[in-house]
C-alpha atoms as a PDB file:
ATOM      1  CA  MET A   1     -28.313  43.518 -40.560  1.00  0.00           C
ATOM      2  CA  PHE A   2     -24.860  42.171 -39.818  1.00  0.00           C
ATOM      3  CA  ASN A   3     -24.414  38.429 -39.698  1.00  0.00           C
ATOM      4  CA  PHE A   4     -22.056  38.020 -36.741  1.00  0.00           C
ATOM      5  CA  PHE A   5     -22.412  34.252 -36.867  1.00  0.00           C
ATOM      6  CA  LYS A   6     -21.304  33.766 -40.446  1.00  0.00           C
ATOM      7  CA  SER A   7     -18.777  30.932 -40.446  1.00  0.00           C
ATOM      8  CA  LYS A   8     -15.273  31.678 -41.539  1.00  0.00           C
ATOM      9  CA  LYS A   9     -13.783  29.400 -44.182  1.00  0.00           C
ATOM     10  CA  GLU A  10     -10.611  27.738 -42.981  1.00  0.00           C
ATOM     11  CA  PRO A  11      -7.569  28.871 -44.952  1.00  0.00           C
ATOM     12  CA  GLU A  12      -6.353  26.306 -47.440  1.00  0.00           C
ATOM     13  CA  ARG A  13      -3.256  24.413 -46.343  1.00  0.00           C
ATOM     14  CA  GLN A  14      -0.086  25.644 -47.986  1.00  0.00           C
ATOM     15  CA  LEU A  15       2.489  23.152 -49.274  1.00  0.00           C
ATOM     16  CA  ASN A  16       5.774  24.891 -49.975  1.00  0.00           C
ATOM     17  CA  HIS A  17       8.395  22.142 -49.830  1.00  0.00           C
ATOM     18  CA  ALA A  18       8.570  18.396 -50.375  1.00  0.00           C
ATOM     19  CA  SER A  19       9.608  17.879 -46.740  1.00  0.00           C
ATOM     20  CA  GLU A  20       6.099  19.041 -45.749  1.00  0.00           C
ATOM     21  CA  LEU A  21       4.313  16.305 -47.706  1.00  0.00           C
ATOM     22  CA  LYS A  22       1.523  14.431 -45.951  1.00  0.00           C
ATOM     23  CA  LYS A  23      -0.514  11.396 -46.891  1.00  0.00           C
ATOM     24  CA  GLY A  24      -2.791  12.274 -49.805  1.00  0.00           C
ATOM     25  CA  ASP A  25      -0.582  15.099 -51.125  1.00  0.00           C
ATOM     26  CA  MET A  26       0.772  15.021 -54.673  1.00  0.00           C
ATOM     27  CA  PHE A  27       3.676  16.477 -56.616  1.00  0.00           C
ATOM     28  CA  THR A  28       5.066  16.392 -60.139  1.00  0.00           C
ATOM     29  CA  VAL A  29       8.542  15.238 -61.176  1.00  0.00           C
ATOM     30  CA  ILE A  30      10.188  17.342 -63.888  1.00  0.00           C
ATOM     31  CA  ASP A  31      10.154  15.991 -67.430  1.00  0.00           C
ATOM     32  CA  SER A  32      13.818  14.972 -67.664  1.00  0.00           C
ATOM     33  CA  PHE A  33      15.639  12.110 -69.370  1.00  0.00           C
ATOM     34  CA  ALA A  34      17.335  11.523 -66.010  1.00  0.00           C
ATOM     35  CA  TYR A  35      14.174   9.599 -65.118  1.00  0.00           C
ATOM     36  CA  PRO A  36      12.562   6.520 -66.650  1.00  0.00           C
ATOM     37  CA  ALA A  37       9.446   7.050 -68.769  1.00  0.00           C
ATOM     38  CA  TRP A  38       7.102   5.946 -65.958  1.00  0.00           C
ATOM     39  CA  LEU A  39       8.519   8.629 -63.628  1.00  0.00           C
ATOM     40  CA  LYS A  40       9.550  11.680 -65.679  1.00  0.00           C
ATOM     41  CA  GLY A  41       6.891  14.360 -65.828  1.00  0.00           C
ATOM     42  CA  GLN A  42       4.557  12.219 -63.744  1.00  0.00           C
ATOM     43  CA  THR A  43       2.414  13.261 -60.799  1.00  0.00           C
ATOM     44  CA  LEU A  44       2.894  11.077 -57.731  1.00  0.00           C
ATOM     45  CA  ARG A  45       0.608  10.674 -54.725  1.00  0.00           C
ATOM     46  CA  VAL A  46       1.809  10.085 -51.166  1.00  0.00           C
ATOM     47  CA  ILE A  47       0.114   6.862 -50.035  1.00  0.00           C
ATOM     48  CA  ASP A  48       2.060   6.309 -46.804  1.00  0.00           C
ATOM     49  CA  ILE A  49       4.790   7.840 -44.625  1.00  0.00           C
ATOM     50  CA  GLN A  50       7.246   5.770 -42.603  1.00  0.00           C
ATOM     51  CA  THR A  51      10.364   6.304 -40.503  1.00  0.00           C
ATOM     52  CA  TYR A  52      13.817   4.732 -40.248  1.00  0.00           C
ATOM     53  CA  GLN A  53      15.307   5.355 -36.806  1.00  0.00           C
ATOM     54  CA  TYR A  54      19.075   5.236 -36.278  1.00  0.00           C
ATOM     55  CA  GLN A  55      21.041   5.606 -33.075  1.00  0.00           C
ATOM     56  CA  HIS A  56      21.469   9.378 -33.398  1.00  0.00           C
ATOM     57  CA  SER A  57      19.122  10.374 -36.235  1.00  0.00           C
ATOM     58  CA  SER A  58      16.154   9.326 -38.359  1.00  0.00           C
ATOM     59  CA  ASP A  59      14.896   9.490 -41.945  1.00  0.00           C
ATOM     60  CA  THR A  60      11.343  10.085 -43.093  1.00  0.00           C
ATOM     61  CA  GLU A  61      10.366   8.032 -46.136  1.00  0.00           C
ATOM     62  CA  PHE A  62       7.434   8.885 -48.384  1.00  0.00           C
ATOM     63  CA  VAL A  63       5.749   6.001 -50.177  1.00  0.00           C
ATOM     64  CA  LEU A  64       4.584   7.265 -53.565  1.00  0.00           C
ATOM     65  CA  GLU A  65       2.362   5.858 -56.274  1.00  0.00           C
ATOM     66  CA  SER A  66       2.060   6.907 -59.913  1.00  0.00           C
ATOM     67  CA  ASP A  67      -1.124   6.915 -61.965  1.00  0.00           C
ATOM     68  CA  SER A  68      -0.050   3.576 -63.448  1.00  0.00           C
ATOM     69  CA  GLY A  69       0.325   2.023 -59.983  1.00  0.00           C
ATOM     70  CA  GLN A  70       4.145   2.054 -59.900  1.00  0.00           C
ATOM     71  CA  VAL A  71       5.443   2.447 -56.328  1.00  0.00           C
ATOM     72  CA  VAL A  72       8.554   4.515 -55.608  1.00  0.00           C
ATOM     73  CA  PHE A  73      10.048   5.670 -52.306  1.00  0.00           C
ATOM     74  CA  LEU A  74      11.397   9.138 -51.508  1.00  0.00           C
ATOM     75  CA  GLN A  75      13.787  10.325 -48.804  1.00  0.00           C
ATOM     76  CA  ILE A  76      15.015  13.917 -48.657  1.00  0.00           C
ATOM     77  CA  GLU A  77      18.714  14.217 -47.838  1.00  0.00           C
ATOM     78  CA  GLN A  78      20.490  17.335 -46.622  1.00  0.00           C
ATOM     79  CA  GLU A  79      24.249  17.618 -46.966  1.00  0.00           C
ATOM     80  CA  ASP A  80      26.550  20.658 -46.903  1.00  0.00           C
ATOM     81  CA  GLY A  81      23.606  23.039 -47.093  1.00  0.00           C
ATOM     82  CA  GLU A  82      22.110  21.331 -50.149  1.00  0.00           C
ATOM     83  CA  GLN A  83      19.046  19.137 -50.391  1.00  0.00           C
ATOM     84  CA  TRP A  84      18.627  16.057 -52.560  1.00  0.00           C
ATOM     85  CA  ALA A  85      15.709  13.846 -53.509  1.00  0.00           C
ATOM     86  CA  ASN A  86      16.533  10.146 -53.168  1.00  0.00           C
ATOM     87  CA  PHE A  87      14.072   8.123 -55.257  1.00  0.00           C
ATOM     88  CA  SER A  88      14.233   4.356 -54.612  1.00  0.00           C
ATOM     89  CA  ILE A  89      12.681   1.284 -56.162  1.00  0.00           C
ATOM     90  CA  LYS A  90      12.772  -2.286 -54.874  1.00  0.00           C
ATOM     91  CA  VAL A  91      14.268  -5.070 -57.007  1.00  0.00           C
ATOM     92  CA  GLN A  92      13.551  -8.787 -56.774  1.00  0.00           C
ATOM     93  CA  ARG A  93      16.036 -11.650 -56.385  1.00  0.00           C
ATOM     94  CA  ASP A  94      15.982 -12.602 -60.073  1.00  0.00           C
ATOM     95  CA  GLU A  95      16.592  -8.962 -60.997  1.00  0.00           C
ATOM     96  CA  VAL A  96      19.548  -8.756 -58.582  1.00  0.00           C
ATOM     97  CA  GLU A  97      20.971 -11.866 -60.253  1.00  0.00           C
ATOM     98  CA  ASP A  98      20.471 -10.319 -63.693  1.00  0.00           C
ATOM     99  CA  ILE A  99      22.165  -7.042 -62.719  1.00  0.00           C
ATOM    100  CA  PHE A 100      25.046  -8.148 -60.490  1.00  0.00           C
ATOM    101  CA  GLY A 101      25.250 -11.933 -60.581  1.00  0.00           C
ATOM    102  CA  LEU A 102      24.540 -13.724 -57.311  1.00  0.00           C
ATOM    103  CA  ASP A 103      28.152 -14.790 -56.687  1.00  0.00           C
ATOM    104  CA  GLN A 104      29.402 -11.223 -56.847  1.00  0.00           C
ATOM    105  CA  PHE A 105      26.447  -9.882 -54.865  1.00  0.00           C
ATOM    106  CA  ALA A 106      27.066 -12.445 -52.105  1.00  0.00           C
ATOM    107  CA  ARG A 107      30.504 -10.891 -51.498  1.00  0.00           C
ATOM    108  CA  ILE A 108      28.746  -7.973 -49.829  1.00  0.00           C
ATOM    109  CA  PHE A 109      27.712 -10.316 -47.011  1.00  0.00           C
ATOM    110  CA  ASP A 110      30.846 -12.485 -46.930  1.00  0.00           C
ATOM    111  CA  GLU A 111      33.745 -10.039 -46.987  1.00  0.00           C
ATOM    112  CA  GLU A 112      34.941  -8.307 -43.835  1.00  0.00           C
ATOM    113  CA  SER A 113      36.206  -5.272 -45.767  1.00  0.00           C
ATOM    114  CA  LEU A 114      33.947  -2.768 -47.527  1.00  0.00           C
ATOM    115  CA  THR A 115      32.928  -4.321 -50.831  1.00  0.00           C
ATOM    116  CA  HIS A 116      33.179  -2.942 -54.372  1.00  0.00           C
ATOM    117  CA  ILE A 117      30.907  -4.497 -57.000  1.00  0.00           C
ATOM    118  CA  THR A 118      30.302  -3.826 -60.681  1.00  0.00           C
ATOM    119  CA  VAL A 119      27.110  -3.958 -62.706  1.00  0.00           C
ATOM    120  CA  GLN A 120      27.262  -6.860 -65.165  1.00  0.00           C
ATOM    121  CA  ASN A 121      24.035  -6.136 -67.015  1.00  0.00           C
ATOM    122  CA  ILE A 122      21.733  -3.091 -67.182  1.00  0.00           C
ATOM    123  CA  PRO A 123      18.143  -4.102 -67.944  1.00  0.00           C
ATOM    124  CA  GLU A 124      16.400  -1.374 -69.908  1.00  0.00           C
ATOM    125  CA  ARG A 125      13.765  -0.842 -67.212  1.00  0.00           C
ATOM    126  CA  PHE A 126      16.510   0.065 -64.695  1.00  0.00           C
ATOM    127  CA  THR A 127      18.743   2.198 -66.948  1.00  0.00           C
ATOM    128  CA  GLN A 128      18.205   5.474 -65.064  1.00  0.00           C
ATOM    129  CA  PHE A 129      18.541   3.809 -61.657  1.00  0.00           C
ATOM    130  CA  LEU A 130      21.899   2.079 -62.125  1.00  0.00           C
ATOM    131  CA  ALA A 131      25.530   3.182 -62.001  1.00  0.00           C
ATOM    132  CA  ASN A 132      28.371   1.123 -63.484  1.00  0.00           C
ATOM    133  CA  SER A 133      29.766   0.180 -60.078  1.00  0.00           C
ATOM    134  CA  TYR A 134      29.165   0.638 -56.355  1.00  0.00           C
ATOM    135  CA  GLN A 135      31.372   0.927 -53.294  1.00  0.00           C
ATOM    136  CA  GLN A 136      30.146   0.005 -49.819  1.00  0.00           C
ATOM    137  CA  SER A 137      30.134   3.294 -47.934  1.00  0.00           C
ATOM    138  CA  GLU A 138      30.179   2.001 -44.350  1.00  0.00           C
ATOM    139  CA  SER A 139      29.947  -1.137 -42.268  1.00  0.00           C
ATOM    140  CA  PRO A 140      26.501  -2.719 -41.778  1.00  0.00           C
ATOM    141  CA  PHE A 141      24.470  -0.935 -39.118  1.00  0.00           C
ATOM    142  CA  VAL A 142      21.229  -1.481 -37.255  1.00  0.00           C
ATOM    143  CA  CYS A 143      18.111   0.663 -37.434  1.00  0.00           C
ATOM    144  CA  TYR A 144      14.468   0.426 -36.434  1.00  0.00           C
ATOM    145  CA  PHE A 145      11.637   0.755 -38.924  1.00  0.00           C
ATOM    146  CA  HIS A 146       8.365   2.410 -37.927  1.00  0.00           C
ATOM    147  CA  ASN A 147       5.338   2.375 -40.211  1.00  0.00           C
ATOM    148  CA  LYS A 148       4.455   5.820 -38.888  1.00  0.00           C
ATOM    149  CA  ASP A 149       5.240   9.497 -39.472  1.00  0.00           C
ATOM    150  CA  TYR A 150       7.269  10.792 -36.508  1.00  0.00           C
ATOM    151  CA  ARG A 151       8.109  14.252 -37.827  1.00  0.00           C
ATOM    152  CA  ASN A 152       5.947  16.067 -35.275  1.00  0.00           C
ATOM    153  CA  GLN A 153       6.429  13.812 -32.278  1.00  0.00           C
ATOM    154  CA  ALA A 154       9.206  12.239 -30.275  1.00  0.00           C
ATOM    155  CA  LEU A 155      10.618   8.949 -31.513  1.00  0.00           C
ATOM    156  CA  PRO A 156      10.606   5.960 -29.150  1.00  0.00           C
ATOM    157  CA  ARG A 157      13.827   5.453 -27.253  1.00  0.00           C
ATOM    158  CA  TYR A 158      16.357   3.712 -29.462  1.00  0.00           C
ATOM    159  CA  GLU A 159      16.246  -0.080 -29.029  1.00  0.00           C
ATOM    160  CA  GLN A 160      12.859   0.240 -27.309  1.00  0.00           C
ATOM    161  CA  GLU A 161      10.066  -2.036 -28.468  1.00  0.00           C
ATOM    162  CA  GLY A 162       7.768  -0.568 -31.073  1.00  0.00           C
ATOM    163  CA  GLY A 163       9.961  -0.622 -34.165  1.00  0.00           C
ATOM    164  CA  GLU A 164      10.957  -3.439 -36.486  1.00  0.00           C
ATOM    165  CA  LEU A 165      14.667  -4.302 -36.283  1.00  0.00           C
ATOM    166  CA  CYS A 166      16.582  -4.048 -39.539  1.00  0.00           C
ATOM    167  CA  GLU A 167      20.256  -4.316 -40.540  1.00  0.00           C
ATOM    168  CA  MET A 168      21.273  -1.922 -43.309  1.00  0.00           C
ATOM    169  CA  ILE A 169      24.090  -2.245 -45.845  1.00  0.00           C
ATOM    170  CA  CYS A 170      24.627   0.793 -48.083  1.00  0.00           C
ATOM    171  CA  LEU A 171      26.686   1.145 -51.268  1.00  0.00           C
ATOM    172  CA  GLU A 172      26.976   4.138 -53.574  1.00  0.00           C
ATOM    173  CA  SER A 173      28.476   5.140 -56.896  1.00  0.00           C
ATOM    174  CA  ASP A 174      31.654   7.208 -57.109  1.00  0.00           C
ATOM    175  CA  ASP A 175      29.692  10.355 -57.936  1.00  0.00           C
ATOM    176  CA  LYS A 176      27.130   9.647 -55.164  1.00  0.00           C
ATOM    177  CA  GLY A 177      24.358   9.891 -57.748  1.00  0.00           C
ATOM    178  CA  PHE A 178      23.242   6.285 -57.306  1.00  0.00           C
ATOM    179  CA  GLY A 179      22.797   4.002 -54.339  1.00  0.00           C
ATOM    180  CA  LEU A 180      22.308   0.321 -53.594  1.00  0.00           C
ATOM    181  CA  ASN A 181      20.650  -0.380 -50.248  1.00  0.00           C
ATOM    182  CA  ILE A 182      20.158  -3.772 -48.620  1.00  0.00           C
ATOM    183  CA  GLU A 183      17.792  -4.289 -45.700  1.00  0.00           C
ATOM    184  CA  ILE A 184      18.036  -7.534 -43.702  1.00  0.00           C
ATOM    185  CA  TRP A 185      15.015  -8.105 -41.500  1.00  0.00           C
ATOM    186  CA  ASP A 186      14.523 -10.286 -38.462  1.00  0.00           C
ATOM    187  CA  GLY A 187      14.191 -13.837 -39.750  1.00  0.00           C
ATOM    188  CA  GLY A 188      16.565 -13.259 -42.673  1.00  0.00           C
ATOM    189  CA  GLU A 189      14.212 -11.679 -45.214  1.00  0.00           C
ATOM    190  CA  THR A 190      16.267  -9.398 -47.453  1.00  0.00           C
ATOM    191  CA  GLU A 191      15.085  -6.414 -49.516  1.00  0.00           C
ATOM    192  CA  VAL A 192      17.245  -4.681 -52.135  1.00  0.00           C
ATOM    193  CA  SER A 193      16.626  -1.168 -53.439  1.00  0.00           C
ATOM    194  CA  LEU A 194      18.168   0.967 -56.180  1.00  0.00           C
ATOM    195  CA  THR A 195      18.370   4.689 -55.463  1.00  0.00           C
ATOM    196  CA  LEU A 196      18.590   7.636 -57.853  1.00  0.00           C
ATOM    197  CA  THR A 197      19.752  10.903 -56.245  1.00  0.00           C
ATOM    198  CA  ARG A 198      18.530  14.113 -57.865  1.00  0.00           C
ATOM    199  CA  PRO A 199      18.356  17.831 -56.940  1.00  0.00           C
ATOM    200  CA  ILE A 200      15.354  18.635 -54.761  1.00  0.00           C
ATOM    201  CA  THR A 201      14.322  21.170 -57.420  1.00  0.00           C
ATOM    202  CA  ASP A 202      13.272  18.234 -59.621  1.00  0.00           C
ATOM    203  CA  ILE A 203      10.150  18.093 -57.435  1.00  0.00           C
ATOM    204  CA  VAL A 204       7.702  20.706 -58.691  1.00  0.00           C
ATOM    205  CA  ASP A 205       3.998  21.598 -58.566  1.00  0.00           C
ATOM    206  CA  LEU A 206       3.146  20.512 -55.033  1.00  0.00           C
ATOM    207  CA  PHE A 207      -0.556  19.780 -54.526  1.00  0.00           C
ATOM    208  CA  PRO A 208      -1.938  19.612 -50.948  1.00  0.00           C
ATOM    209  CA  GLY A 209      -4.496  16.901 -50.296  1.00  0.00           C
ATOM    210  CA  ASP A 210      -7.074  16.762 -47.534  1.00  0.00           C
ATOM    211  CA  ALA A 211      -4.602  16.370 -44.662  1.00  0.00           C
ATOM    212  CA  LYS A 212      -4.803  18.970 -41.899  1.00  0.00           C
END
């Protein structure tokens, strides 16, 4: 006797590219000396997805966590038909002082022209995330931060309430392989991040989680 009412198992979700990552998904970073020990060859889990909204575009940022609890941020950049993985880590005020010196770092905020700064000290824990020098790539600009994934829905109108206002200052190394990003939030709170840019092919072994 045929069982016409036998339930069909839903097909497993396919995860073919890092841009498709959802909360709960995981992937592995290749085992390369381009990465620090806590990141190379490690499997990272997506614990949150957030959005930076600019006047004419937006960036999706994946918040990742390693097995050891280290948090790293990922944005996928596309330029001239190529894709890059931008891994970022936040650094604290005392670490900024150790790396750049506060007097030199303050020039970024004080000078009207685009600033060039040099690294004065490379702490071992930041070796793979630092260049020797950085050049400010553009004037400070405003964006809106949303603690939400907007990839499959329309963003709020720019300057509309709903996002958190942020001023961005971006610097990069001569070879564009490293970045220094400064976020100035309403009230004056400042966050500094170091960015390592790598080929998107460094992200391997994508593992879908329970997201639909």
